[in-house]
């Protein structure tokens, strides 16, 4: 059986660990992880692809006017 360790502090998770804190050893470590996400210390890497395989991106011009859109007569 492999032991699982907390990704924040590295302590091995006890067999009776609080399941609501999983995969962390405690609620404290779970809160530390959340704080790191909110502080943007973690980032999801962009998808890597070769420039030759990319399809052209279709763009649509956007009009920035102060007029209200005309939807129909009432």
PDB file of N, CA and C in Angstrom:
ATOM      1  N   UNK A   1       0.849  -1.175   0.000  1.00  0.00           N
ATOM      2  CA  UNK A   1       0.000   0.000   0.000  1.00  0.00           C
ATOM      3  C   UNK A   1       0.900   1.246   0.000  1.00  0.00           C
ATOM      4  N   UNK A   2       0.623   2.175  -0.884  1.00  0.00           N
ATOM      5  CA  UNK A   2       1.425   3.391  -0.959  1.00  0.00           C
ATOM      6  C   UNK A   2       0.866   4.429  -0.002  1.00  0.00           C
ATOM      7  N   UNK A   3       1.766   5.168   0.611  1.00  0.00           N
ATOM      8  CA  UNK A   3       1.302   6.215   1.509  1.00  0.00           C
ATOM      9  C   UNK A   3       1.161   7.507   0.715  1.00  0.00           C
ATOM     10  N   UNK A   4       0.164   8.261   1.062  1.00  0.00           N
ATOM     11  CA  UNK A   4      -0.112   9.530   0.399  1.00  0.00           C
ATOM     12  C   UNK A   4       0.352  10.638   1.334  1.00  0.00           C
ATOM     13  N   UNK A   5       1.002  11.646   0.767  1.00  0.00           N
ATOM     14  CA  UNK A   5       1.458  12.753   1.607  1.00  0.00           C
ATOM     15  C   UNK A   5       0.748  14.043   1.206  1.00  0.00           C
ATOM     16  N   UNK A   6       0.670  14.947   2.141  1.00  0.00           N
ATOM     17  CA  UNK A   6       0.024  16.240   1.942  1.00  0.00           C
ATOM     18  C   UNK A   6       0.847  17.059   0.949  1.00  0.00           C
ATOM     19  N   UNK A   7       0.218  17.634  -0.082  1.00  0.00           N
ATOM     20  CA  UNK A   7       0.966  18.415  -1.064  1.00  0.00           C
ATOM     21  C   UNK A   7       1.509  19.741  -0.517  1.00  0.00           C
ATOM     22  N   UNK A   8       1.037  20.185   0.635  1.00  0.00           N
ATOM     23  CA  UNK A   8       1.495  21.452   1.206  1.00  0.00           C
ATOM     24  C   UNK A   8       2.657  21.247   2.169  1.00  0.00           C
ATOM     25  N   UNK A   9       2.471  20.403   3.177  1.00  0.00           N
ATOM     26  CA  UNK A   9       3.514  20.246   4.195  1.00  0.00           C
ATOM     27  C   UNK A   9       4.328  18.969   4.027  1.00  0.00           C
ATOM     28  N   UNK A  10       3.856  18.028   3.221  1.00  0.00           N
ATOM     29  CA  UNK A  10       4.596  16.798   2.966  1.00  0.00           C
ATOM     30  C   UNK A  10       4.397  15.711   4.001  1.00  0.00           C
ATOM     31  N   UNK A  11       3.610  15.965   5.036  1.00  0.00           N
ATOM     32  CA  UNK A  11       3.367  14.942   6.052  1.00  0.00           C
ATOM     33  C   UNK A  11       2.557  13.806   5.435  1.00  0.00           C
ATOM     34  N   UNK A  12       2.844  12.568   5.852  1.00  0.00           N
ATOM     35  CA  UNK A  12       2.012  11.467   5.370  1.00  0.00           C
ATOM     36  C   UNK A  12       0.600  11.607   5.935  1.00  0.00           C
ATOM     37  N   UNK A  13      -0.389  11.315   5.117  1.00  0.00           N
ATOM     38  CA  UNK A  13      -1.769  11.419   5.574  1.00  0.00           C
ATOM     39  C   UNK A  13      -2.087  10.230   6.466  1.00  0.00           C
ATOM     40  N   UNK A  14      -2.581  10.478   7.675  1.00  0.00           N
ATOM     41  CA  UNK A  14      -2.955   9.371   8.548  1.00  0.00           C
ATOM     42  C   UNK A  14      -4.194   8.673   8.008  1.00  0.00           C
ATOM     43  N   UNK A  15      -4.355   7.419   8.376  1.00  0.00           N
ATOM     44  CA  UNK A  15      -5.497   6.653   7.869  1.00  0.00           C
ATOM     45  C   UNK A  15      -6.822   7.250   8.318  1.00  0.00           C
ATOM     46  N   UNK A  16      -6.856   7.928   9.457  1.00  0.00           N
ATOM     47  CA  UNK A  16      -8.093   8.522   9.953  1.00  0.00           C
ATOM     48  C   UNK A  16      -8.188  10.008   9.674  1.00  0.00           C
ATOM     49  N   UNK A  17      -7.516  10.488   8.621  1.00  0.00           N
ATOM     50  CA  UNK A  17      -7.510  11.922   8.305  1.00  0.00           C
ATOM     51  C   UNK A  17      -8.913  12.403   7.967  1.00  0.00           C
ATOM     52  N   UNK A  18      -9.156  13.660   8.247  1.00  0.00           N
ATOM     53  CA  UNK A  18     -10.450  14.286   7.969  1.00  0.00           C
ATOM     54  C   UNK A  18     -10.725  14.237   6.468  1.00  0.00           C
ATOM     55  N   UNK A  19     -11.747  13.476   6.030  1.00  0.00           N
ATOM     56  CA  UNK A  19     -12.006  13.357   4.587  1.00  0.00           C
ATOM     57  C   UNK A  19     -12.419  14.674   3.938  1.00  0.00           C
ATOM     58  N   UNK A  20     -12.929  15.626   4.721  1.00  0.00           N
ATOM     59  CA  UNK A  20     -13.325  16.906   4.128  1.00  0.00           C
ATOM     60  C   UNK A  20     -12.111  17.764   3.780  1.00  0.00           C
ATOM     61  N   UNK A  21     -10.933  17.415   4.318  1.00  0.00           N
ATOM     62  CA  UNK A  21      -9.716  18.170   4.024  1.00  0.00           C
ATOM     63  C   UNK A  21      -8.901  17.524   2.910  1.00  0.00           C
ATOM     64  N   UNK A  22      -9.291  16.349   2.444  1.00  0.00           N
ATOM     65  CA  UNK A  22      -8.523  15.605   1.429  1.00  0.00           C
ATOM     66  C   UNK A  22      -8.305  16.453   0.186  1.00  0.00           C
ATOM     67  N   UNK A  23      -7.173  16.368  -0.471  1.00  0.00           N
ATOM     68  CA  UNK A  23      -5.999  15.510  -0.275  1.00  0.00           C
ATOM     69  C   UNK A  23      -4.986  16.103   0.691  1.00  0.00           C
ATOM     70  N   UNK A  24      -5.399  17.012   1.548  1.00  0.00           N
ATOM     71  CA  UNK A  24      -4.498  17.664   2.490  1.00  0.00           C
ATOM     72  C   UNK A  24      -4.613  16.989   3.848  1.00  0.00           C
ATOM     73  N   UNK A  25      -3.596  17.183   4.691  1.00  0.00           N
ATOM     74  CA  UNK A  25      -3.600  16.540   6.007  1.00  0.00           C
ATOM     75  C   UNK A  25      -4.518  17.259   6.988  1.00  0.00           C
ATOM     76  N   UNK A  26      -4.851  18.514   6.696  1.00  0.00           N
ATOM     77  CA  UNK A  26      -5.677  19.286   7.625  1.00  0.00           C
ATOM     78  C   UNK A  26      -6.403  20.394   6.875  1.00  0.00           C
ATOM     79  N   UNK A  27      -7.358  20.973   7.558  1.00  0.00           N
ATOM     80  CA  UNK A  27      -8.079  22.114   6.994  1.00  0.00           C
ATOM     81  C   UNK A  27      -7.109  23.282   6.803  1.00  0.00           C
ATOM     82  N   UNK A  28      -6.127  23.416   7.702  1.00  0.00           N
ATOM     83  CA  UNK A  28      -5.132  24.486   7.586  1.00  0.00           C
ATOM     84  C   UNK A  28      -4.377  24.388   6.265  1.00  0.00           C
ATOM     85  N   UNK A  29      -3.895  23.189   5.916  1.00  0.00           N
ATOM     86  CA  UNK A  29      -3.157  23.024   4.656  1.00  0.00           C
ATOM     87  C   UNK A  29      -4.071  23.269   3.456  1.00  0.00           C
ATOM     88  N   UNK A  30      -5.330  22.885   3.583  1.00  0.00           N
ATOM     89  CA  UNK A  30      -6.287  23.153   2.502  1.00  0.00           C
ATOM     90  C   UNK A  30      -6.452  24.656   2.302  1.00  0.00           C
ATOM     91  N   UNK A  31      -6.524  25.419   3.397  1.00  0.00           N
ATOM     92  CA  UNK A  31      -6.663  26.875   3.314  1.00  0.00           C
ATOM     93  C   UNK A  31      -5.409  27.526   2.731  1.00  0.00           C
ATOM     94  N   UNK A  32      -4.235  26.997   3.067  1.00  0.00           N
ATOM     95  CA  UNK A  32      -2.988  27.515   2.497  1.00  0.00           C
ATOM     96  C   UNK A  32      -3.004  27.333   0.988  1.00  0.00           C
ATOM     97  N   UNK A  33      -3.437  26.167   0.524  1.00  0.00           N
ATOM     98  CA  UNK A  33      -3.502  25.897  -0.912  1.00  0.00           C
ATOM     99  C   UNK A  33      -4.483  26.847  -1.599  1.00  0.00           C
ATOM    100  N   UNK A  34      -5.644  27.052  -0.996  1.00  0.00           N
ATOM    101  CA  UNK A  34      -6.631  27.975  -1.562  1.00  0.00           C
ATOM    102  C   UNK A  34      -6.055  29.384  -1.652  1.00  0.00           C
ATOM    103  N   UNK A  35      -5.359  29.813  -0.614  1.00  0.00           N
ATOM    104  CA  UNK A  35      -4.734  31.137  -0.630  1.00  0.00           C
ATOM    105  C   UNK A  35      -3.714  31.280  -1.745  1.00  0.00           C
ATOM    106  N   UNK A  36      -2.993  30.209  -2.022  1.00  0.00           N
ATOM    107  CA  UNK A  36      -2.022  30.255  -3.120  1.00  0.00           C
ATOM    108  C   UNK A  36      -2.722  30.385  -4.467  1.00  0.00           C
ATOM    109  N   UNK A  37      -3.839  29.686  -4.646  1.00  0.00           N
ATOM    110  CA  UNK A  37      -4.592  29.826  -5.901  1.00  0.00           C
ATOM    111  C   UNK A  37      -5.134  31.244  -6.032  1.00  0.00           C
ATOM    112  N   UNK A  38      -5.713  31.766  -4.958  1.00  0.00           N
ATOM    113  CA  UNK A  38      -6.293  33.112  -5.012  1.00  0.00           C
ATOM    114  C   UNK A  38      -5.227  34.185  -5.185  1.00  0.00           C
ATOM    115  N   UNK A  39      -4.027  33.943  -4.676  1.00  0.00           N
ATOM    116  CA  UNK A  39      -2.918  34.879  -4.833  1.00  0.00           C
ATOM    117  C   UNK A  39      -2.179  34.702  -6.149  1.00  0.00           C
ATOM    118  N   UNK A  40      -2.694  33.833  -6.998  1.00  0.00           N
ATOM    119  CA  UNK A  40      -2.145  33.546  -8.333  1.00  0.00           C
ATOM    120  C   UNK A  40      -0.708  33.037  -8.281  1.00  0.00           C
ATOM    121  N   UNK A  41      -0.381  32.281  -7.223  1.00  0.00           N
ATOM    122  CA  UNK A  41       0.941  31.661  -7.166  1.00  0.00           C
ATOM    123  C   UNK A  41       0.974  30.385  -7.994  1.00  0.00           C
ATOM    124  N   UNK A  42      -0.189  29.803  -8.244  1.00  0.00           N
ATOM    125  CA  UNK A  42      -0.294  28.646  -9.125  1.00  0.00           C
ATOM    126  C   UNK A  42      -0.834  29.139 -10.454  1.00  0.00           C
ATOM    127  N   UNK A  43      -0.392  28.522 -11.530  1.00  0.00           N
ATOM    128  CA  UNK A  43      -0.908  28.884 -12.850  1.00  0.00           C
ATOM    129  C   UNK A  43      -1.079  27.627 -13.671  1.00  0.00           C
ATOM    130  N   UNK A  44      -2.088  27.618 -14.493  1.00  0.00           N
ATOM    131  CA  UNK A  44      -2.301  26.509 -15.408  1.00  0.00           C
ATOM    132  C   UNK A  44      -1.561  26.856 -16.686  1.00  0.00           C
ATOM    133  N   UNK A  45      -0.689  25.968 -17.103  1.00  0.00           N
ATOM    134  CA  UNK A  45       0.136  26.215 -18.293  1.00  0.00           C
ATOM    135  C   UNK A  45      -0.739  26.231 -19.542  1.00  0.00           C
ATOM    136  N   UNK A  46      -0.423  27.112 -20.492  1.00  0.00           N
ATOM    137  CA  UNK A  46      -1.188  27.137 -21.739  1.00  0.00           C
ATOM    138  C   UNK A  46      -0.928  25.868 -22.537  1.00  0.00           C
ATOM    139  N   UNK A  47      -1.885  25.524 -23.367  1.00  0.00           N
ATOM    140  CA  UNK A  47      -1.747  24.344 -24.206  1.00  0.00           C
ATOM    141  C   UNK A  47      -0.645  24.600 -25.225  1.00  0.00           C
ATOM    142  N   UNK A  48       0.252  23.660 -25.330  1.00  0.00           N
ATOM    143  CA  UNK A  48       1.378  23.789 -26.249  1.00  0.00           C
ATOM    144  C   UNK A  48       1.021  23.081 -27.548  1.00  0.00           C
ATOM    145  N   UNK A  49       1.187  23.783 -28.656  1.00  0.00           N
ATOM    146  CA  UNK A  49       0.963  23.181 -29.968  1.00  0.00           C
ATOM    147  C   UNK A  49       1.942  23.815 -30.946  1.00  0.00           C
ATOM    148  N   UNK A  50       2.194  23.112 -32.007  1.00  0.00           N
ATOM    149  CA  UNK A  50       3.130  23.652 -32.990  1.00  0.00           C
ATOM    150  C   UNK A  50       2.434  24.723 -33.823  1.00  0.00           C
ATOM    151  N   UNK A  51       3.155  25.747 -34.259  1.00  0.00           N
ATOM    152  CA  UNK A  51       2.545  26.830 -35.040  1.00  0.00           C
ATOM    153  C   UNK A  51       1.937  26.334 -36.352  1.00  0.00           C
ATOM    154  N   UNK A  52       2.447  25.240 -36.898  1.00  0.00           N
ATOM    155  CA  UNK A  52       1.916  24.719 -38.155  1.00  0.00           C
ATOM    156  C   UNK A  52       0.544  24.086 -37.981  1.00  0.00           C
ATOM    157  N   UNK A  53       0.243  23.587 -36.780  1.00  0.00           N
ATOM    158  CA  UNK A  53      -1.009  22.870 -36.584  1.00  0.00           C
ATOM    159  C   UNK A  53      -2.166  23.770 -36.166  1.00  0.00           C
ATOM    160  N   UNK A  54      -1.884  25.025 -35.861  1.00  0.00           N
ATOM    161  CA  UNK A  54      -2.947  25.912 -35.409  1.00  0.00           C
ATOM    162  C   UNK A  54      -3.848  26.321 -36.563  1.00  0.00           C
ATOM    163  N   UNK A  55      -5.138  26.321 -36.270  1.00  0.00           N
ATOM    164  CA  UNK A  55      -6.106  26.781 -37.257  1.00  0.00           C
ATOM    165  C   UNK A  55      -6.258  28.287 -37.094  1.00  0.00           C
ATOM    166  N   UNK A  56      -6.569  28.997 -38.177  1.00  0.00           N
ATOM    167  CA  UNK A  56      -6.757  30.446 -38.054  1.00  0.00           C
ATOM    168  C   UNK A  56      -7.936  30.760 -37.134  1.00  0.00           C
ATOM    169  N   UNK A  57      -7.797  31.821 -36.367  1.00  0.00           N
ATOM    170  CA  UNK A  57      -8.856  32.239 -35.461  1.00  0.00           C
ATOM    171  C   UNK A  57      -9.793  33.171 -36.209  1.00  0.00           C
ATOM    172  N   UNK A  58     -11.082  32.852 -36.136  1.00  0.00           N
ATOM    173  CA  UNK A  58     -12.082  33.674 -36.808  1.00  0.00           C
ATOM    174  C   UNK A  58     -12.427  34.846 -35.896  1.00  0.00           C
ATOM    175  N   UNK A  59     -12.335  36.051 -36.416  1.00  0.00           N
ATOM    176  CA  UNK A  59     -12.653  37.229 -35.618  1.00  0.00           C
ATOM    177  C   UNK A  59     -13.839  37.954 -36.217  1.00  0.00           C
ATOM    178  N   UNK A  60     -14.561  38.639 -35.369  1.00  0.00           N
ATOM    179  CA  UNK A  60     -15.711  39.428 -35.799  1.00  0.00           C
ATOM    180  C   UNK A  60     -15.519  40.848 -35.285  1.00  0.00           C
ATOM    181  N   UNK A  61     -15.669  41.841 -36.148  1.00  0.00           N
ATOM    182  CA  UNK A  61     -15.501  43.220 -35.686  1.00  0.00           C
ATOM    183  C   UNK A  61     -16.586  43.592 -34.683  1.00  0.00           C
ATOM    184  N   UNK A  62     -16.220  44.375 -33.701  1.00  0.00           N
ATOM    185  CA  UNK A  62     -17.151  44.813 -32.674  1.00  0.00           C
ATOM    186  C   UNK A  62     -17.285  46.321 -32.784  1.00  0.00           C
ATOM    187  N   UNK A  63     -18.525  46.792 -32.810  1.00  0.00           N
ATOM    188  CA  UNK A  63     -18.775  48.219 -32.894  1.00  0.00           C
ATOM    189  C   UNK A  63     -18.965  48.770 -31.489  1.00  0.00           C
ATOM    190  N   UNK A  64     -18.246  49.801 -31.159  1.00  0.00           N
ATOM    191  CA  UNK A  64     -18.359  50.428 -29.842  1.00  0.00           C
ATOM    192  C   UNK A  64     -19.052  51.772 -30.010  1.00  0.00           C
ATOM    193  N   UNK A  65     -20.346  51.772 -29.936  1.00  0.00           N
ATOM    194  CA  UNK A  65     -21.104  53.015 -30.039  1.00  0.00           C
ATOM    195  C   UNK A  65     -21.911  53.203 -28.771  1.00  0.00           C
ATOM    196  N   UNK A  66     -22.331  54.413 -28.536  1.00  0.00           N
ATOM    197  CA  UNK A  66     -23.123  54.690 -27.344  1.00  0.00           C
ATOM    198  C   UNK A  66     -24.609  54.480 -27.593  1.00  0.00           C
ATOM    199  N   UNK A  67     -24.985  54.152 -28.825  1.00  0.00           N
ATOM    200  CA  UNK A  67     -26.394  53.937 -29.132  1.00  0.00           C
ATOM    201  C   UNK A  67     -26.869  52.621 -28.552  1.00  0.00           C
ATOM    202  N   UNK A  68     -28.130  52.599 -28.177  1.00  0.00           N
ATOM    203  CA  UNK A  68     -28.744  51.364 -27.707  1.00  0.00           C
ATOM    204  C   UNK A  68     -29.047  50.502 -28.925  1.00  0.00           C
ATOM    205  N   UNK A  69     -28.930  49.194 -28.812  1.00  0.00           N
ATOM    206  CA  UNK A  69     -29.254  48.346 -29.952  1.00  0.00           C
ATOM    207  C   UNK A  69     -30.733  48.443 -30.290  1.00  0.00           C
ATOM    208  N   UNK A  70     -31.026  48.430 -31.566  1.00  0.00           N
ATOM    209  CA  UNK A  70     -32.410  48.507 -32.017  1.00  0.00           C
ATOM    210  C   UNK A  70     -32.910  47.089 -32.235  1.00  0.00           C
ATOM    211  N   UNK A  71     -33.936  46.718 -31.450  1.00  0.00           N
ATOM    212  CA  UNK A  71     -34.401  45.347 -31.500  1.00  0.00           C
ATOM    213  C   UNK A  71     -35.692  45.184 -32.278  1.00  0.00           C
ATOM    214  N   UNK A  72     -36.431  46.171 -32.465  1.00  0.00           N
ATOM    215  CA  UNK A  72     -37.689  46.061 -33.187  1.00  0.00           C
ATOM    216  C   UNK A  72     -38.668  47.107 -32.699  1.00  0.00           C
ATOM    217  N   UNK A  73     -39.779  47.220 -33.393  1.00  0.00           N
ATOM    218  CA  UNK A  73     -40.779  48.225 -33.011  1.00  0.00           C
ATOM    219  C   UNK A  73     -41.694  47.658 -31.949  1.00  0.00           C
ATOM    220  N   UNK A  74     -42.189  48.545 -31.116  1.00  0.00           N
ATOM    221  CA  UNK A  74     -43.160  48.151 -30.090  1.00  0.00           C
ATOM    222  C   UNK A  74     -44.440  48.859 -30.304  1.00  0.00           C
TER     223      UNK A  74
END
